[in-house]
């Protein structure tokens, strides 16, 4: 039996007051979510992200996939001020999902 291994590394970039800071996020400007992904068998075909609470596999917000990278531009809103965690997971062509990769950020407005 073959076992698929999907690796995912996620980054979050936000521009706040003209300065690049990957840990401060505001609802006033979109963030860019990117995740480099690789699968050793069937290849990555999709991905999703969510903030703080896991909605269940396949029920997160979809990410675009191209050339080994999951990405999207999103405006995060409805969050309380303070620390949060953004999670990303990838799906391969065989329907297997990766473990989640995460990045922490501070929501400031």
Foldseek 3Di string as FASTA:
>chain_A
DDDKAKDKAKFKWDADPNDIDRAEAELVAWIKIKIFMFIDPQTWDWKFKDKADDPDPPPHHTFDDDDRMTIDIGRDDPDDFFKIKMWMWIAGPVGDIHDIHIDMHGYHD
